[in-house]
């Protein structure tokens, strides 16, 4: 299967509610799985991003402070808010992939009927779910700082652009 690699980085600052990641950008791979978007889970798992699931995205701002996350749209479209209320909304469609560094807020604004997305985590990490004003902000900031860089890119494995983009920060 052909996997395109035209990564686009986006930085989001701590807005006082959603921490985002102070060092690492979100990486958008538009049209990355243009041949077979439904193979996202298999591609992620084969590149060491496991503990995968297929479902939707919560309709409230949340983030994971203990791991990075990859999301691949397999069916339909979504308007996904990244970075908290002061962040940015992205129109994603089946075949788009986005990698969220630990701490990045994300929320579904709208989605088409039949929308599906696959998520996975480097080395199959178990993830937590943090929400605004949960009383654990200081703990979350410490956890975000301790999350290691992934060993592989979820689309391209050991030689993918994610490692270069994140290690150059």
C-alpha atoms as a PDB file:
ATOM      1  CA  UNK A   1       0.000   0.000   0.000  1.00  0.00           C
ATOM      2  CA  UNK A   2       1.261   3.467  -0.891  1.00  0.00           C
ATOM      3  CA  UNK A   3       1.536   5.875   2.049  1.00  0.00           C
ATOM      4  CA  UNK A   4       2.022   9.505   1.130  1.00  0.00           C
ATOM      5  CA  UNK A   5       4.264  11.607   3.356  1.00  0.00           C
ATOM      6  CA  UNK A   6       3.686  15.329   3.193  1.00  0.00           C
ATOM      7  CA  UNK A   7       3.691  16.120   6.916  1.00  0.00           C
ATOM      8  CA  UNK A   8       2.533  19.525   8.105  1.00  0.00           C
ATOM      9  CA  UNK A   9       3.494  20.672  11.635  1.00  0.00           C
ATOM     10  CA  UNK A  10       1.237  22.846  13.825  1.00  0.00           C
ATOM     11  CA  UNK A  11       2.210  24.225  17.241  1.00  0.00           C
ATOM     12  CA  UNK A  12      -0.311  24.918  19.989  1.00  0.00           C
ATOM     13  CA  UNK A  13       0.531  26.818  23.151  1.00  0.00           C
ATOM     14  CA  UNK A  14      -0.712  26.157  26.662  1.00  0.00           C
ATOM     15  CA  UNK A  15      -3.905  28.180  26.999  1.00  0.00           C
ATOM     16  CA  UNK A  16      -4.063  27.874  30.774  1.00  0.00           C
ATOM     17  CA  UNK A  17      -6.669  25.115  30.519  1.00  0.00           C
ATOM     18  CA  UNK A  18      -5.375  22.672  27.898  1.00  0.00           C
ATOM     19  CA  UNK A  19      -1.582  22.280  28.265  1.00  0.00           C
ATOM     20  CA  UNK A  20      -0.845  21.088  24.716  1.00  0.00           C
ATOM     21  CA  UNK A  21       2.794  20.169  24.263  1.00  0.00           C
ATOM     22  CA  UNK A  22       5.465  22.774  24.993  1.00  0.00           C
ATOM     23  CA  UNK A  23       8.031  21.225  22.615  1.00  0.00           C
ATOM     24  CA  UNK A  24       6.378  19.052  19.985  1.00  0.00           C
ATOM     25  CA  UNK A  25       4.052  20.055  17.133  1.00  0.00           C
ATOM     26  CA  UNK A  26       0.965  18.232  15.955  1.00  0.00           C
ATOM     27  CA  UNK A  27       1.786  16.538  12.634  1.00  0.00           C
ATOM     28  CA  UNK A  28      -0.899  16.357   9.958  1.00  0.00           C
ATOM     29  CA  UNK A  29      -0.443  13.876   7.108  1.00  0.00           C
ATOM     30  CA  UNK A  30      -3.198  14.908   4.654  1.00  0.00           C
ATOM     31  CA  UNK A  31      -4.243  12.133   2.282  1.00  0.00           C
ATOM     32  CA  UNK A  32      -1.666   9.798   3.803  1.00  0.00           C
ATOM     33  CA  UNK A  33      -3.772   6.681   3.333  1.00  0.00           C
ATOM     34  CA  UNK A  34      -5.329   7.575   0.001  1.00  0.00           C
ATOM     35  CA  UNK A  35      -5.150   4.014  -1.336  1.00  0.00           C
ATOM     36  CA  UNK A  36      -6.885   2.277   1.580  1.00  0.00           C
ATOM     37  CA  UNK A  37      -7.947   4.457   4.548  1.00  0.00           C
ATOM     38  CA  UNK A  38      -9.639   1.442   6.125  1.00  0.00           C
ATOM     39  CA  UNK A  39      -6.186  -0.097   6.576  1.00  0.00           C
ATOM     40  CA  UNK A  40      -5.133   2.611   9.056  1.00  0.00           C
ATOM     41  CA  UNK A  41      -5.207   0.299  12.070  1.00  0.00           C
ATOM     42  CA  UNK A  42      -3.086  -2.322  10.328  1.00  0.00           C
ATOM     43  CA  UNK A  43      -0.564   0.297   9.175  1.00  0.00           C
ATOM     44  CA  UNK A  44      -0.296   1.838  12.660  1.00  0.00           C
ATOM     45  CA  UNK A  45       0.027  -1.541  14.380  1.00  0.00           C
ATOM     46  CA  UNK A  46       2.644  -2.704  11.876  1.00  0.00           C
ATOM     47  CA  UNK A  47       4.730   0.356  12.715  1.00  0.00           C
ATOM     48  CA  UNK A  48       4.620  -0.210  16.473  1.00  0.00           C
ATOM     49  CA  UNK A  49       1.636   2.008  17.325  1.00  0.00           C
ATOM     50  CA  UNK A  50      -0.758  -0.391  19.051  1.00  0.00           C
ATOM     51  CA  UNK A  51      -3.460  -0.523  21.746  1.00  0.00           C
ATOM     52  CA  UNK A  52      -5.635   0.621  18.863  1.00  0.00           C
ATOM     53  CA  UNK A  53      -9.364   1.244  18.715  1.00  0.00           C
ATOM     54  CA  UNK A  54     -11.911   2.325  16.113  1.00  0.00           C
ATOM     55  CA  UNK A  55     -14.798   4.606  17.041  1.00  0.00           C
ATOM     56  CA  UNK A  56     -15.342   8.374  17.118  1.00  0.00           C
ATOM     57  CA  UNK A  57     -13.907  11.372  18.979  1.00  0.00           C
ATOM     58  CA  UNK A  58     -15.359  12.849  22.179  1.00  0.00           C
ATOM     59  CA  UNK A  59     -17.350  16.067  21.733  1.00  0.00           C
ATOM     60  CA  UNK A  60     -15.495  17.785  24.580  1.00  0.00           C
ATOM     61  CA  UNK A  61     -11.898  18.957  24.950  1.00  0.00           C
ATOM     62  CA  UNK A  62      -9.663  16.241  26.334  1.00  0.00           C
ATOM     63  CA  UNK A  63      -6.026  15.179  26.111  1.00  0.00           C
ATOM     64  CA  UNK A  64      -3.679  12.376  27.073  1.00  0.00           C
ATOM     65  CA  UNK A  65      -0.846  13.406  29.371  1.00  0.00           C
ATOM     66  CA  UNK A  66       0.979  10.075  29.423  1.00  0.00           C
ATOM     67  CA  UNK A  67       1.321   9.205  25.725  1.00  0.00           C
ATOM     68  CA  UNK A  68       1.251  10.483  22.164  1.00  0.00           C
ATOM     69  CA  UNK A  69      -1.652   9.433  19.902  1.00  0.00           C
ATOM     70  CA  UNK A  70      -2.169   8.878  16.188  1.00  0.00           C
ATOM     71  CA  UNK A  71      -5.626   9.297  14.650  1.00  0.00           C
ATOM     72  CA  UNK A  72      -6.516   8.079  11.163  1.00  0.00           C
ATOM     73  CA  UNK A  73      -9.894   8.856   9.588  1.00  0.00           C
ATOM     74  CA  UNK A  74     -11.217   5.685   7.943  1.00  0.00           C
ATOM     75  CA  UNK A  75     -14.752   6.745   6.920  1.00  0.00           C
ATOM     76  CA  UNK A  76     -16.490  10.093   6.482  1.00  0.00           C
ATOM     77  CA  UNK A  77     -15.359  13.500   7.669  1.00  0.00           C
ATOM     78  CA  UNK A  78     -14.806  15.336  10.938  1.00  0.00           C
ATOM     79  CA  UNK A  79     -14.306  18.919  12.013  1.00  0.00           C
ATOM     80  CA  UNK A  80     -11.703  18.382  14.747  1.00  0.00           C
ATOM     81  CA  UNK A  81     -10.701  21.160  17.150  1.00  0.00           C
ATOM     82  CA  UNK A  82      -7.069  20.865  18.238  1.00  0.00           C
ATOM     83  CA  UNK A  83      -5.281  22.859  20.925  1.00  0.00           C
ATOM     84  CA  UNK A  84      -8.283  23.813  23.078  1.00  0.00           C
ATOM     85  CA  UNK A  85     -10.731  26.671  22.583  1.00  0.00           C
ATOM     86  CA  UNK A  86      -7.957  28.976  21.366  1.00  0.00           C
ATOM     87  CA  UNK A  87      -6.582  26.313  19.012  1.00  0.00           C
ATOM     88  CA  UNK A  88      -7.621  25.545  15.451  1.00  0.00           C
ATOM     89  CA  UNK A  89     -10.315  23.491  13.727  1.00  0.00           C
ATOM     90  CA  UNK A  90      -9.282  21.046  11.008  1.00  0.00           C
ATOM     91  CA  UNK A  91     -11.551  19.509   8.361  1.00  0.00           C
ATOM     92  CA  UNK A  92     -10.344  15.911   8.090  1.00  0.00           C
ATOM     93  CA  UNK A  93     -11.567  13.249   5.694  1.00  0.00           C
ATOM     94  CA  UNK A  94     -11.096   9.537   5.181  1.00  0.00           C
ATOM     95  CA  UNK A  95      -7.379   9.000   4.449  1.00  0.00           C
ATOM     96  CA  UNK A  96      -6.106  11.878   6.648  1.00  0.00           C
ATOM     97  CA  UNK A  97      -3.844  11.083   9.608  1.00  0.00           C
ATOM     98  CA  UNK A  98      -2.874  13.328  12.502  1.00  0.00           C
ATOM     99  CA  UNK A  99      -0.292  12.668  15.232  1.00  0.00           C
ATOM    100  CA  UNK A 100      -0.959  14.372  18.560  1.00  0.00           C
ATOM    101  CA  UNK A 101       1.920  14.819  20.982  1.00  0.00           C
ATOM    102  CA  UNK A 102       1.089  14.184  24.633  1.00  0.00           C
ATOM    103  CA  UNK A 103      -0.976  17.018  26.097  1.00  0.00           C
ATOM    104  CA  UNK A 104      -2.658  18.105  22.854  1.00  0.00           C
ATOM    105  CA  UNK A 105      -6.309  18.975  23.342  1.00  0.00           C
ATOM    106  CA  UNK A 106      -8.763  17.544  20.850  1.00  0.00           C
ATOM    107  CA  UNK A 107     -12.538  17.641  20.417  1.00  0.00           C
ATOM    108  CA  UNK A 108     -15.084  16.666  17.750  1.00  0.00           C
ATOM    109  CA  UNK A 109     -17.079  19.691  16.606  1.00  0.00           C
ATOM    110  CA  UNK A 110     -19.079  17.865  13.925  1.00  0.00           C
ATOM    111  CA  UNK A 111     -18.803  14.630  11.970  1.00  0.00           C
ATOM    112  CA  UNK A 112     -20.539  13.136   8.968  1.00  0.00           C
ATOM    113  CA  UNK A 113     -22.838  10.151   9.180  1.00  0.00           C
ATOM    114  CA  UNK A 114     -20.829   6.954   9.202  1.00  0.00           C
ATOM    115  CA  UNK A 115     -17.722   8.737  10.476  1.00  0.00           C
ATOM    116  CA  UNK A 116     -15.053   6.406  11.896  1.00  0.00           C
ATOM    117  CA  UNK A 117     -11.553   7.031  13.167  1.00  0.00           C
ATOM    118  CA  UNK A 118      -8.768   4.747  14.378  1.00  0.00           C
ATOM    119  CA  UNK A 119      -6.487   5.696  17.257  1.00  0.00           C
ATOM    120  CA  UNK A 120      -3.262   4.064  18.446  1.00  0.00           C
ATOM    121  CA  UNK A 121      -0.317   4.748  20.763  1.00  0.00           C
ATOM    122  CA  UNK A 122       3.456   4.228  20.483  1.00  0.00           C
ATOM    123  CA  UNK A 123       4.497   0.803  21.733  1.00  0.00           C
ATOM    124  CA  UNK A 124       0.866   0.156  22.720  1.00  0.00           C
ATOM    125  CA  UNK A 125       0.943   2.563  25.675  1.00  0.00           C
ATOM    126  CA  UNK A 126      -2.093   2.659  27.908  1.00  0.00           C
ATOM    127  CA  UNK A 127      -3.563   6.146  27.747  1.00  0.00           C
ATOM    128  CA  UNK A 128      -5.268   8.328  30.300  1.00  0.00           C
ATOM    129  CA  UNK A 129      -7.949  10.877  29.496  1.00  0.00           C
ATOM    130  CA  UNK A 130      -7.661  14.313  31.046  1.00  0.00           C
ATOM    131  CA  UNK A 131     -10.249  17.064  30.821  1.00  0.00           C
ATOM    132  CA  UNK A 132     -10.178  20.742  31.661  1.00  0.00           C
ATOM    133  CA  UNK A 133     -10.459  21.623  35.327  1.00  0.00           C
ATOM    134  CA  UNK A 134     -10.047  18.034  36.535  1.00  0.00           C
ATOM    135  CA  UNK A 135      -7.755  19.216  39.339  1.00  0.00           C
ATOM    136  CA  UNK A 136      -4.770  17.324  37.919  1.00  0.00           C
ATOM    137  CA  UNK A 137      -3.130  20.027  35.815  1.00  0.00           C
ATOM    138  CA  UNK A 138       0.213  20.088  37.671  1.00  0.00           C
ATOM    139  CA  UNK A 139       0.412  16.296  37.596  1.00  0.00           C
ATOM    140  CA  UNK A 140      -0.444  16.323  33.879  1.00  0.00           C
ATOM    141  CA  UNK A 141       2.304  18.860  33.110  1.00  0.00           C
ATOM    142  CA  UNK A 142       4.855  16.586  34.789  1.00  0.00           C
ATOM    143  CA  UNK A 143       3.572  13.547  32.897  1.00  0.00           C
ATOM    144  CA  UNK A 144       3.726  15.339  29.527  1.00  0.00           C
ATOM    145  CA  UNK A 145       7.363  16.277  30.147  1.00  0.00           C
ATOM    146  CA  UNK A 146       8.243  12.613  30.818  1.00  0.00           C
ATOM    147  CA  UNK A 147       6.677  11.071  27.691  1.00  0.00           C
ATOM    148  CA  UNK A 148       9.511   9.748  25.503  1.00  0.00           C
ATOM    149  CA  UNK A 149       9.719  10.325  21.776  1.00  0.00           C
ATOM    150  CA  UNK A 150       8.257   7.391  19.851  1.00  0.00           C
ATOM    151  CA  UNK A 151      10.692   4.916  18.320  1.00  0.00           C
ATOM    152  CA  UNK A 152       8.789   4.903  15.024  1.00  0.00           C
ATOM    153  CA  UNK A 153       6.569   6.970  12.768  1.00  0.00           C
ATOM    154  CA  UNK A 154       3.034   5.440  12.727  1.00  0.00           C
ATOM    155  CA  UNK A 155       2.927   5.527   8.923  1.00  0.00           C
ATOM    156  CA  UNK A 156       6.529   4.978   7.859  1.00  0.00           C
ATOM    157  CA  UNK A 157       8.195   3.052  10.665  1.00  0.00           C
ATOM    158  CA  UNK A 158      11.769   3.741  11.722  1.00  0.00           C
ATOM    159  CA  UNK A 159      12.626   6.009   8.791  1.00  0.00           C
ATOM    160  CA  UNK A 160       9.538   8.224   8.841  1.00  0.00           C
ATOM    161  CA  UNK A 161       9.472  12.009   9.014  1.00  0.00           C
ATOM    162  CA  UNK A 162       7.895  12.128  12.486  1.00  0.00           C
ATOM    163  CA  UNK A 163      11.151  11.242  14.215  1.00  0.00           C
ATOM    164  CA  UNK A 164      13.048  13.922  12.308  1.00  0.00           C
ATOM    165  CA  UNK A 165      10.376  16.574  12.893  1.00  0.00           C
ATOM    166  CA  UNK A 166      10.123  15.847  16.613  1.00  0.00           C
ATOM    167  CA  UNK A 167      13.825  15.296  17.322  1.00  0.00           C
ATOM    168  CA  UNK A 168      14.741  18.606  15.691  1.00  0.00           C
ATOM    169  CA  UNK A 169      12.642  20.532  18.210  1.00  0.00           C
END
